[in-house]
Amino acid sequence: MLLNHKLVLGTVQFGLPYGINNTKGQTEKEEVFKILQSAQKNAINTLDTAPAYGNSMETLGEFFKHSNSFSVISKFHGKTEKEIVGSVDKQLKVLNRTSLDVLLFHSYKDWLENPSTISVLDKIKQEQKVGKIGISLYTNDEFLSAIESGLFDVIQIPFNILDNYSLKGSLIEKAKNKGVEVHTRSVFLQGLFFKSIETLPAFFSPLKEALSKIHTLCADNNLSVHELALLYVLHQSNIKRVLIGVETEKQLLMNIEVLKKDISISLIQEINNIKIEEIDLLNPVTWPKS
């Protein structure tokens, strides 16, 4: 059950249609409640949300009226103290909560352009409206800068079987040594790992050799790509939380089943040895719009 506690359930699908493999659109409220109930039963106790996620917060707030046992990670809008405090207070009201467990800057740019806002977040933290302050990042340069600033309790980064330990391992260790919690997202790279290699657009051609290697490792170790991708990230000892998203209760239960499987140290090392040179391809922001 230990690995279950590392999982953070993303809620963007609860308020918006999201992901390149999403064929169902936004998750209906009834299904959201089933997902949350199953998460509770299986010791998954942390949710990730944001004001930008459509009506996700409203749905969560309705659920929290009857069951409020989840920890909540969120982001904020605003540059001035009035705007930021207003954003947090509105979120707490909508969510039917008295505090957020973690509050993140949406991006490195938000922090870089408005460095003084950190003092506002510290004030909100002192008022116990927020437990920890963090930031959501993309690149290694951003990651290093955030670690060395000493300002953050939590740093959230992309991390997966391609955007892996060979690219980020030393920085993750550095963060851990400085007492910073490392949370990761993009476990499945927005569903890219589940696409047929043969039908991938030419844009992704530089990744095809590595993806073929992943498929070979899966076949040799009797694991699906889904299983390998999730187990690889969850078995990183220096990663505190792993964010995943689901559209249905069935998908959540499939992920929970994966946690019953194991992954060998040698297999982890083989994935660590995969090093992508075209790192921009690992950032969905750079992908062509379909």
C-alpha atoms as a PDB file:
ATOM      1  CA  MET A   1       0.000   0.000   0.000  1.00  0.00           C
ATOM      2  CA  LEU A   2       3.027   2.282   0.350  1.00  0.00           C
ATOM      3  CA  LEU A   3       3.130   3.194  -3.338  1.00  0.00           C
ATOM      4  CA  ASN A   4      -0.540   4.202  -3.298  1.00  0.00           C
ATOM      5  CA  HIS A   5       0.333   7.082  -0.985  1.00  0.00           C
ATOM      6  CA  LYS A   6       2.774   8.467  -3.562  1.00  0.00           C
ATOM      7  CA  LEU A   7       0.021   8.882  -6.139  1.00  0.00           C
ATOM      8  CA  VAL A   8      -1.600  12.270  -6.656  1.00  0.00           C
ATOM      9  CA  LEU A   9      -4.842  12.235  -8.605  1.00  0.00           C
ATOM     10  CA  GLY A  10      -5.007  15.010 -11.184  1.00  0.00           C
ATOM     11  CA  THR A  11      -8.389  16.640 -11.668  1.00  0.00           C
ATOM     12  CA  VAL A  12      -8.056  18.560 -14.939  1.00  0.00           C
ATOM     13  CA  GLN A  13     -10.177  15.864 -16.662  1.00  0.00           C
ATOM     14  CA  PHE A  14     -12.933  16.580 -14.136  1.00  0.00           C
ATOM     15  CA  GLY A  15     -13.348  20.076 -15.551  1.00  0.00           C
ATOM     16  CA  LEU A  16     -12.012  19.937 -19.124  1.00  0.00           C
ATOM     17  CA  PRO A  17     -11.449  17.423 -21.958  1.00  0.00           C
ATOM     18  CA  TYR A  18      -7.683  16.845 -21.720  1.00  0.00           C
ATOM     19  CA  GLY A  19      -4.913  14.676 -23.192  1.00  0.00           C
ATOM     20  CA  ILE A  20      -4.060  13.478 -26.703  1.00  0.00           C
ATOM     21  CA  ASN A  21      -5.618  10.074 -25.985  1.00  0.00           C
ATOM     22  CA  ASN A  22      -8.769  11.433 -24.362  1.00  0.00           C
ATOM     23  CA  THR A  23     -11.722  10.123 -26.374  1.00  0.00           C
ATOM     24  CA  LYS A  24     -14.387  10.592 -23.695  1.00  0.00           C
ATOM     25  CA  GLY A  25     -14.177  14.334 -23.117  1.00  0.00           C
ATOM     26  CA  GLN A  26     -14.784  15.859 -19.702  1.00  0.00           C
ATOM     27  CA  THR A  27     -15.606  13.359 -16.963  1.00  0.00           C
ATOM     28  CA  GLU A  28     -19.203  13.485 -15.754  1.00  0.00           C
ATOM     29  CA  LYS A  29     -19.786  14.454 -12.104  1.00  0.00           C
ATOM     30  CA  GLU A  30     -21.231  11.065 -11.178  1.00  0.00           C
ATOM     31  CA  GLU A  31     -18.108   9.365 -12.527  1.00  0.00           C
ATOM     32  CA  VAL A  32     -15.865  11.864 -10.717  1.00  0.00           C
ATOM     33  CA  PHE A  33     -17.508  10.911  -7.425  1.00  0.00           C
ATOM     34  CA  LYS A  34     -16.918   7.213  -8.169  1.00  0.00           C
ATOM     35  CA  ILE A  35     -13.260   7.948  -8.910  1.00  0.00           C
ATOM     36  CA  LEU A  36     -12.822   9.882  -5.668  1.00  0.00           C
ATOM     37  CA  GLN A  37     -14.530   7.189  -3.615  1.00  0.00           C
ATOM     38  CA  SER A  38     -12.322   4.486  -5.136  1.00  0.00           C
ATOM     39  CA  ALA A  39      -9.248   6.613  -4.516  1.00  0.00           C
ATOM     40  CA  GLN A  40     -10.167   6.918  -0.845  1.00  0.00           C
ATOM     41  CA  LYS A  41     -10.721   3.176  -0.517  1.00  0.00           C
ATOM     42  CA  ASN A  42      -7.282   2.538  -2.007  1.00  0.00           C
ATOM     43  CA  ALA A  43      -5.292   4.969   0.152  1.00  0.00           C
ATOM     44  CA  ILE A  44      -4.823   7.604  -2.547  1.00  0.00           C
ATOM     45  CA  ASN A  45      -5.302  10.748  -0.508  1.00  0.00           C
ATOM     46  CA  THR A  46      -3.958  13.698  -2.536  1.00  0.00           C
ATOM     47  CA  LEU A  47      -5.595  15.672  -5.366  1.00  0.00           C
ATOM     48  CA  ASP A  48      -4.107  18.226  -7.765  1.00  0.00           C
ATOM     49  CA  THR A  49      -6.339  21.011  -9.070  1.00  0.00           C
ATOM     50  CA  ALA A  50      -6.300  24.623 -10.270  1.00  0.00           C
ATOM     51  CA  PRO A  51      -8.716  27.468 -11.050  1.00  0.00           C
ATOM     52  CA  ALA A  52      -7.849  26.962 -14.729  1.00  0.00           C
ATOM     53  CA  TYR A  53      -9.336  23.450 -14.764  1.00  0.00           C
ATOM     54  CA  GLY A  54     -12.837  24.416 -15.849  1.00  0.00           C
ATOM     55  CA  ASN A  55     -15.442  23.507 -13.215  1.00  0.00           C
ATOM     56  CA  SER A  56     -13.219  20.889 -11.572  1.00  0.00           C
ATOM     57  CA  MET A  57     -13.085  22.783  -8.267  1.00  0.00           C
ATOM     58  CA  GLU A  58     -16.855  23.147  -8.094  1.00  0.00           C
ATOM     59  CA  THR A  59     -17.250  19.381  -8.497  1.00  0.00           C
ATOM     60  CA  LEU A  60     -14.598  18.688  -5.860  1.00  0.00           C
ATOM     61  CA  GLY A  61     -16.231  21.175  -3.510  1.00  0.00           C
ATOM     62  CA  GLU A  62     -19.543  19.363  -3.837  1.00  0.00           C
ATOM     63  CA  PHE A  63     -17.836  16.057  -3.002  1.00  0.00           C
ATOM     64  CA  PHE A  64     -16.003  17.629  -0.056  1.00  0.00           C
ATOM     65  CA  LYS A  65     -19.308  18.615   1.532  1.00  0.00           C
ATOM     66  CA  HIS A  66     -19.716  14.951   2.418  1.00  0.00           C
ATOM     67  CA  SER A  67     -16.103  13.722   2.531  1.00  0.00           C
ATOM     68  CA  ASN A  68     -13.117  16.012   3.007  1.00  0.00           C
ATOM     69  CA  SER A  69     -10.275  13.604   3.735  1.00  0.00           C
ATOM     70  CA  PHE A  70      -8.085  14.487   0.736  1.00  0.00           C
ATOM     71  CA  SER A  71      -5.014  16.686   0.739  1.00  0.00           C
ATOM     72  CA  VAL A  72      -5.238  19.312  -2.013  1.00  0.00           C
ATOM     73  CA  ILE A  73      -2.508  20.780  -4.214  1.00  0.00           C
ATOM     74  CA  SER A  74      -3.543  23.849  -6.201  1.00  0.00           C
ATOM     75  CA  LYS A  75      -2.198  26.881  -8.087  1.00  0.00           C
ATOM     76  CA  PHE A  76      -3.099  30.549  -7.911  1.00  0.00           C
ATOM     77  CA  HIS A  77      -3.938  33.482 -10.154  1.00  0.00           C
ATOM     78  CA  GLY A  78      -2.821  37.065  -9.660  1.00  0.00           C
ATOM     79  CA  LYS A  79       0.198  39.328  -9.283  1.00  0.00           C
ATOM     80  CA  THR A  80      -0.846  41.689  -6.489  1.00  0.00           C
ATOM     81  CA  GLU A  81      -1.498  40.727  -2.881  1.00  0.00           C
ATOM     82  CA  LYS A  82      -5.192  41.492  -3.323  1.00  0.00           C
ATOM     83  CA  GLU A  83      -5.447  39.267  -6.406  1.00  0.00           C
ATOM     84  CA  ILE A  84      -3.531  36.362  -4.857  1.00  0.00           C
ATOM     85  CA  VAL A  85      -5.357  36.438  -1.535  1.00  0.00           C
ATOM     86  CA  GLY A  86      -8.623  36.734  -3.452  1.00  0.00           C
ATOM     87  CA  SER A  87      -7.722  33.712  -5.586  1.00  0.00           C
ATOM     88  CA  VAL A  88      -6.875  31.586  -2.554  1.00  0.00           C
ATOM     89  CA  ASP A  89      -9.947  32.681  -0.581  1.00  0.00           C
ATOM     90  CA  LYS A  90     -12.202  31.926  -3.553  1.00  0.00           C
ATOM     91  CA  GLN A  91     -10.654  28.486  -3.973  1.00  0.00           C
ATOM     92  CA  LEU A  92     -11.150  27.672  -0.300  1.00  0.00           C
ATOM     93  CA  LYS A  93     -14.784  28.741  -0.510  1.00  0.00           C
ATOM     94  CA  VAL A  94     -15.477  26.732  -3.681  1.00  0.00           C
ATOM     95  CA  LEU A  95     -13.656  23.672  -2.297  1.00  0.00           C
ATOM     96  CA  ASN A  96     -15.358  23.912   1.120  1.00  0.00           C
ATOM     97  CA  ARG A  97     -11.988  23.896   2.863  1.00  0.00           C
ATOM     98  CA  THR A  98     -10.136  26.051   5.379  1.00  0.00           C
ATOM     99  CA  SER A  99      -6.700  25.475   3.844  1.00  0.00           C
ATOM    100  CA  LEU A 100      -4.771  24.138   0.856  1.00  0.00           C
ATOM    101  CA  ASP A 101      -1.983  21.678   1.549  1.00  0.00           C
ATOM    102  CA  VAL A 102       0.251  22.952  -1.267  1.00  0.00           C
ATOM    103  CA  LEU A 103      -0.013  26.117  -3.380  1.00  0.00           C
ATOM    104  CA  LEU A 104       2.051  26.251  -6.572  1.00  0.00           C
ATOM    105  CA  PHE A 105       3.170  28.929  -8.983  1.00  0.00           C
ATOM    106  CA  HIS A 106       1.743  27.840 -12.351  1.00  0.00           C
ATOM    107  CA  SER A 107       5.109  28.285 -14.035  1.00  0.00           C
ATOM    108  CA  TYR A 108       8.668  29.540 -13.737  1.00  0.00           C
ATOM    109  CA  LYS A 109       7.692  32.599 -15.767  1.00  0.00           C
ATOM    110  CA  ASP A 110       5.033  33.533 -13.201  1.00  0.00           C
ATOM    111  CA  TRP A 111       7.663  33.514 -10.459  1.00  0.00           C
ATOM    112  CA  LEU A 112      10.386  35.209 -12.540  1.00  0.00           C
ATOM    113  CA  GLU A 113       8.143  38.088 -13.583  1.00  0.00           C
ATOM    114  CA  ASN A 114       6.631  38.546 -10.126  1.00  0.00           C
ATOM    115  CA  PRO A 115       9.294  37.586  -7.538  1.00  0.00           C
ATOM    116  CA  SER A 116       7.729  39.747  -4.831  1.00  0.00           C
ATOM    117  CA  THR A 117       4.652  37.508  -4.781  1.00  0.00           C
ATOM    118  CA  ILE A 118       6.616  34.964  -2.758  1.00  0.00           C
ATOM    119  CA  SER A 119       6.248  37.241   0.277  1.00  0.00           C
ATOM    120  CA  VAL A 120       2.475  37.217  -0.219  1.00  0.00           C
ATOM    121  CA  LEU A 121       2.501  33.416  -0.313  1.00  0.00           C
ATOM    122  CA  ASP A 122       4.610  33.307   2.854  1.00  0.00           C
ATOM    123  CA  LYS A 123       2.034  35.533   4.558  1.00  0.00           C
ATOM    124  CA  ILE A 124      -0.803  33.247   3.458  1.00  0.00           C
ATOM    125  CA  LYS A 125       1.247  30.313   4.729  1.00  0.00           C
ATOM    126  CA  GLN A 126       1.699  31.978   8.119  1.00  0.00           C
ATOM    127  CA  GLU A 127      -2.073  32.482   8.264  1.00  0.00           C
ATOM    128  CA  GLN A 128      -2.382  28.690   7.749  1.00  0.00           C
ATOM    129  CA  LYS A 129      -4.457  29.044   4.610  1.00  0.00           C
ATOM    130  CA  VAL A 130      -1.668  27.144   2.856  1.00  0.00           C
ATOM    131  CA  GLY A 131       0.623  24.419   4.184  1.00  0.00           C
ATOM    132  CA  LYS A 132       3.481  24.475   1.656  1.00  0.00           C
ATOM    133  CA  ILE A 133       4.599  26.777  -1.159  1.00  0.00           C
ATOM    134  CA  GLY A 134       5.802  25.348  -4.459  1.00  0.00           C
ATOM    135  CA  ILE A 135       6.280  25.820  -8.175  1.00  0.00           C
ATOM    136  CA  SER A 136       5.484  23.845 -11.336  1.00  0.00           C
ATOM    137  CA  LEU A 137       8.376  23.759 -13.834  1.00  0.00           C
ATOM    138  CA  TYR A 138       9.406  22.355 -17.218  1.00  0.00           C
ATOM    139  CA  THR A 139      13.156  22.624 -17.817  1.00  0.00           C
ATOM    140  CA  ASN A 140      16.272  21.597 -15.909  1.00  0.00           C
ATOM    141  CA  ASP A 141      17.514  25.201 -15.852  1.00  0.00           C
ATOM    142  CA  GLU A 142      14.274  26.236 -14.158  1.00  0.00           C
ATOM    143  CA  PHE A 143      14.555  23.298 -11.774  1.00  0.00           C
ATOM    144  CA  LEU A 144      18.105  24.246 -10.716  1.00  0.00           C
ATOM    145  CA  SER A 145      17.158  27.897 -10.250  1.00  0.00           C
ATOM    146  CA  ALA A 146      14.172  26.985  -8.064  1.00  0.00           C
ATOM    147  CA  ILE A 147      16.249  24.602  -5.929  1.00  0.00           C
ATOM    148  CA  GLU A 148      19.008  27.143  -5.379  1.00  0.00           C
ATOM    149  CA  SER A 149      16.556  29.914  -4.492  1.00  0.00           C
ATOM    150  CA  GLY A 150      15.701  28.154  -1.233  1.00  0.00           C
ATOM    151  CA  LEU A 151      12.177  29.565  -1.454  1.00  0.00           C
ATOM    152  CA  PHE A 152      10.128  26.471  -2.174  1.00  0.00           C
ATOM    153  CA  ASP A 153       8.871  23.540  -0.112  1.00  0.00           C
ATOM    154  CA  VAL A 154       7.695  21.671  -3.210  1.00  0.00           C
ATOM    155  CA  ILE A 155       8.875  21.584  -6.835  1.00  0.00           C
ATOM    156  CA  GLN A 156       6.780  19.801  -9.462  1.00  0.00           C
ATOM    157  CA  ILE A 157       8.531  18.622 -12.644  1.00  0.00           C
ATOM    158  CA  PRO A 158       7.872  16.352 -15.631  1.00  0.00           C
ATOM    159  CA  PHE A 159       9.453  12.917 -15.202  1.00  0.00           C
ATOM    160  CA  ASN A 160       8.921   9.647 -17.077  1.00  0.00           C
ATOM    161  CA  ILE A 161      10.619   6.777 -18.891  1.00  0.00           C
ATOM    162  CA  LEU A 162      12.041   9.158 -21.531  1.00  0.00           C
ATOM    163  CA  ASP A 163      12.328  12.354 -19.495  1.00  0.00           C
ATOM    164  CA  ASN A 164      14.143  10.189 -16.990  1.00  0.00           C
ATOM    165  CA  TYR A 165      16.894   9.856 -14.416  1.00  0.00           C
ATOM    166  CA  SER A 166      19.636  10.410 -16.992  1.00  0.00           C
ATOM    167  CA  LEU A 167      18.208  13.892 -17.594  1.00  0.00           C
ATOM    168  CA  LYS A 168      16.987  14.856 -14.129  1.00  0.00           C
ATOM    169  CA  GLY A 169      18.486  12.471 -11.548  1.00  0.00           C
ATOM    170  CA  SER A 170      21.228  14.730 -10.194  1.00  0.00           C
ATOM    171  CA  LEU A 171      18.813  17.634  -9.774  1.00  0.00           C
ATOM    172  CA  ILE A 172      16.244  15.460  -8.014  1.00  0.00           C
ATOM    173  CA  GLU A 173      18.946  14.344  -5.572  1.00  0.00           C
ATOM    174  CA  LYS A 174      20.039  17.964  -5.061  1.00  0.00           C
ATOM    175  CA  ALA A 175      16.470  18.997  -4.255  1.00  0.00           C
ATOM    176  CA  LYS A 176      16.024  16.114  -1.818  1.00  0.00           C
ATOM    177  CA  ASN A 177      19.279  17.029  -0.056  1.00  0.00           C
ATOM    178  CA  LYS A 178      18.017  20.585   0.394  1.00  0.00           C
ATOM    179  CA  GLY A 179      14.783  19.365   1.955  1.00  0.00           C
ATOM    180  CA  VAL A 180      12.610  20.135  -1.071  1.00  0.00           C
ATOM    181  CA  GLU A 181       9.785  17.731  -1.923  1.00  0.00           C
ATOM    182  CA  VAL A 182       9.930  16.642  -5.556  1.00  0.00           C
ATOM    183  CA  HIS A 183       6.574  15.945  -7.187  1.00  0.00           C
ATOM    184  CA  THR A 184       6.376  14.666 -10.753  1.00  0.00           C
ATOM    185  CA  ARG A 185       3.833  14.789 -13.578  1.00  0.00           C
ATOM    186  CA  SER A 186       3.699  13.593 -17.234  1.00  0.00           C
ATOM    187  CA  VAL A 187       4.140   9.942 -16.264  1.00  0.00           C
ATOM    188  CA  PHE A 188       2.628   8.877 -19.598  1.00  0.00           C
ATOM    189  CA  LEU A 189       3.704  12.038 -21.477  1.00  0.00           C
ATOM    190  CA  GLN A 190       0.059  12.945 -22.110  1.00  0.00           C
ATOM    191  CA  GLY A 191      -0.584   9.500 -23.593  1.00  0.00           C
ATOM    192  CA  LEU A 192       2.232   9.585 -26.151  1.00  0.00           C
ATOM    193  CA  PHE A 193       3.622   6.272 -24.878  1.00  0.00           C
ATOM    194  CA  PHE A 194       0.384   4.513 -25.813  1.00  0.00           C
ATOM    195  CA  LYS A 195       0.423   5.635 -29.438  1.00  0.00           C
ATOM    196  CA  SER A 196       1.538   3.202 -32.141  1.00  0.00           C
ATOM    197  CA  ILE A 197       5.145   3.984 -33.034  1.00  0.00           C
ATOM    198  CA  GLU A 198       4.423   3.337 -36.713  1.00  0.00           C
ATOM    199  CA  THR A 199       1.674   5.949 -36.877  1.00  0.00           C
ATOM    200  CA  LEU A 200       3.414   8.708 -34.907  1.00  0.00           C
ATOM    201  CA  PRO A 201       3.723  11.992 -36.830  1.00  0.00           C
ATOM    202  CA  ALA A 202       7.135  12.764 -38.334  1.00  0.00           C
ATOM    203  CA  PHE A 203       7.604  15.399 -35.621  1.00  0.00           C
ATOM    204  CA  PHE A 204       8.243  12.571 -33.144  1.00  0.00           C
ATOM    205  CA  SER A 205      10.682  10.627 -35.356  1.00  0.00           C
ATOM    206  CA  PRO A 206      13.720  11.360 -33.125  1.00  0.00           C
ATOM    207  CA  LEU A 207      11.942   9.544 -30.286  1.00  0.00           C
ATOM    208  CA  LYS A 208      11.083   6.382 -32.228  1.00  0.00           C
ATOM    209  CA  GLU A 209      14.336   4.525 -31.467  1.00  0.00           C
ATOM    210  CA  ALA A 210      13.935   5.090 -27.728  1.00  0.00           C
ATOM    211  CA  LEU A 211      10.257   4.152 -27.866  1.00  0.00           C
ATOM    212  CA  SER A 212      11.181   0.921 -29.678  1.00  0.00           C
ATOM    213  CA  LYS A 213      13.682   0.212 -26.898  1.00  0.00           C
ATOM    214  CA  ILE A 214      10.913   0.720 -24.341  1.00  0.00           C
ATOM    215  CA  HIS A 215       8.664  -1.754 -26.176  1.00  0.00           C
ATOM    216  CA  THR A 216      11.476  -4.318 -26.242  1.00  0.00           C
ATOM    217  CA  LEU A 217      12.073  -3.907 -22.500  1.00  0.00           C
ATOM    218  CA  CYS A 218       8.357  -4.374 -21.892  1.00  0.00           C
ATOM    219  CA  ALA A 219       8.274  -7.592 -23.932  1.00  0.00           C
ATOM    220  CA  ASP A 220      11.396  -8.950 -22.217  1.00  0.00           C
ATOM    221  CA  ASN A 221      10.008  -8.233 -18.744  1.00  0.00           C
ATOM    222  CA  ASN A 222       6.360  -9.200 -19.319  1.00  0.00           C
ATOM    223  CA  LEU A 223       5.113  -5.678 -18.625  1.00  0.00           C
ATOM    224  CA  SER A 224       2.869  -3.363 -20.612  1.00  0.00           C
ATOM    225  CA  VAL A 225       4.085   0.146 -21.477  1.00  0.00           C
ATOM    226  CA  HIS A 226       1.522   1.469 -19.017  1.00  0.00           C
ATOM    227  CA  GLU A 227       2.876  -0.734 -16.245  1.00  0.00           C
ATOM    228  CA  LEU A 228       6.507   0.043 -16.963  1.00  0.00           C
ATOM    229  CA  ALA A 229       5.910   3.790 -17.169  1.00  0.00           C
ATOM    230  CA  LEU A 230       4.068   3.957 -13.853  1.00  0.00           C
ATOM    231  CA  LEU A 231       6.298   1.558 -11.928  1.00  0.00           C
ATOM    232  CA  TYR A 232       9.483   3.265 -13.097  1.00  0.00           C
ATOM    233  CA  VAL A 233       8.467   6.633 -11.666  1.00  0.00           C
ATOM    234  CA  LEU A 234       6.908   5.287  -8.479  1.00  0.00           C
ATOM    235  CA  HIS A 235      10.068   3.359  -7.611  1.00  0.00           C
ATOM    236  CA  GLN A 236      12.230   6.490  -7.600  1.00  0.00           C
ATOM    237  CA  SER A 237      13.018   6.853  -3.907  1.00  0.00           C
ATOM    238  CA  ASN A 238      13.749  10.590  -4.107  1.00  0.00           C
ATOM    239  CA  ILE A 239      10.372  11.417  -5.650  1.00  0.00           C
ATOM    240  CA  LYS A 240       7.727  12.190  -3.034  1.00  0.00           C
ATOM    241  CA  ARG A 241       4.559  12.367  -5.154  1.00  0.00           C
ATOM    242  CA  VAL A 242       3.557  11.163  -8.627  1.00  0.00           C
ATOM    243  CA  LEU A 243       0.690  12.885 -10.433  1.00  0.00           C
ATOM    244  CA  ILE A 244      -1.562  10.860 -12.724  1.00  0.00           C
ATOM    245  CA  GLY A 245      -4.860  11.653 -14.417  1.00  0.00           C
ATOM    246  CA  VAL A 246      -7.804   9.383 -15.129  1.00  0.00           C
ATOM    247  CA  GLU A 247     -11.103   9.865 -16.924  1.00  0.00           C
ATOM    248  CA  THR A 248     -12.978   6.920 -15.392  1.00  0.00           C
ATOM    249  CA  GLU A 249     -13.083   4.814 -12.247  1.00  0.00           C
ATOM    250  CA  LYS A 250     -12.059   1.839 -14.388  1.00  0.00           C
ATOM    251  CA  GLN A 251      -8.845   3.615 -15.405  1.00  0.00           C
ATOM    252  CA  LEU A 252      -8.065   4.433 -11.770  1.00  0.00           C
ATOM    253  CA  LEU A 253      -8.537   0.801 -10.745  1.00  0.00           C
ATOM    254  CA  MET A 254      -6.267  -0.299 -13.606  1.00  0.00           C
ATOM    255  CA  ASN A 255      -3.539   1.980 -12.265  1.00  0.00           C
ATOM    256  CA  ILE A 256      -4.021   0.631  -8.759  1.00  0.00           C
ATOM    257  CA  GLU A 257      -3.638  -2.938 -10.070  1.00  0.00           C
ATOM    258  CA  VAL A 258      -0.282  -1.962 -11.556  1.00  0.00           C
ATOM    259  CA  LEU A 259       0.995  -1.121  -8.075  1.00  0.00           C
ATOM    260  CA  LYS A 260       0.804  -4.795  -7.151  1.00  0.00           C
ATOM    261  CA  LYS A 261       3.557  -5.541  -9.668  1.00  0.00           C
ATOM    262  CA  ASP A 262       7.275  -5.036  -9.215  1.00  0.00           C
ATOM    263  CA  ILE A 263      10.133  -3.697 -11.296  1.00  0.00           C
ATOM    264  CA  SER A 264      13.737  -4.868 -11.005  1.00  0.00           C
ATOM    265  CA  ILE A 265      16.671  -2.602 -10.248  1.00  0.00           C
ATOM    266  CA  SER A 266      18.324  -3.767 -13.462  1.00  0.00           C
ATOM    267  CA  LEU A 267      15.267  -2.752 -15.514  1.00  0.00           C
ATOM    268  CA  ILE A 268      15.213   0.663 -13.852  1.00  0.00           C
ATOM    269  CA  GLN A 269      18.891   1.040 -14.753  1.00  0.00           C
ATOM    270  CA  GLU A 270      18.204   0.135 -18.396  1.00  0.00           C
ATOM    271  CA  ILE A 271      15.612   2.897 -18.569  1.00  0.00           C
ATOM    272  CA  ASN A 272      18.021   5.287 -16.842  1.00  0.00           C
ATOM    273  CA  ASN A 273      20.501   4.567 -19.637  1.00  0.00           C
ATOM    274  CA  ILE A 274      18.075   5.864 -22.275  1.00  0.00           C
ATOM    275  CA  LYS A 275      19.065   9.456 -22.953  1.00  0.00           C
ATOM    276  CA  ILE A 276      17.038  11.659 -25.267  1.00  0.00           C
ATOM    277  CA  GLU A 277      19.046  14.378 -26.988  1.00  0.00           C
ATOM    278  CA  GLU A 278      16.059  16.237 -28.482  1.00  0.00           C
ATOM    279  CA  ILE A 279      14.682  17.206 -25.085  1.00  0.00           C
ATOM    280  CA  ASP A 280      12.264  19.770 -26.537  1.00  0.00           C
ATOM    281  CA  LEU A 281      10.211  16.854 -27.871  1.00  0.00           C
ATOM    282  CA  LEU A 282       9.553  15.805 -24.274  1.00  0.00           C
ATOM    283  CA  ASN A 283       7.688  19.047 -23.601  1.00  0.00           C
ATOM    284  CA  PRO A 284       4.073  18.928 -24.878  1.00  0.00           C
ATOM    285  CA  VAL A 285       4.103  22.725 -25.172  1.00  0.00           C
ATOM    286  CA  THR A 286       6.304  22.295 -28.261  1.00  0.00           C
ATOM    287  CA  TRP A 287       4.035  19.724 -29.936  1.00  0.00           C
ATOM    288  CA  PRO A 288       2.121  20.713 -33.080  1.00  0.00           C
ATOM    289  CA  LYS A 289      -1.562  21.359 -32.508  1.00  0.00           C
ATOM    290  CA  SER A 290      -3.680  18.538 -33.884  1.00  0.00           C
END
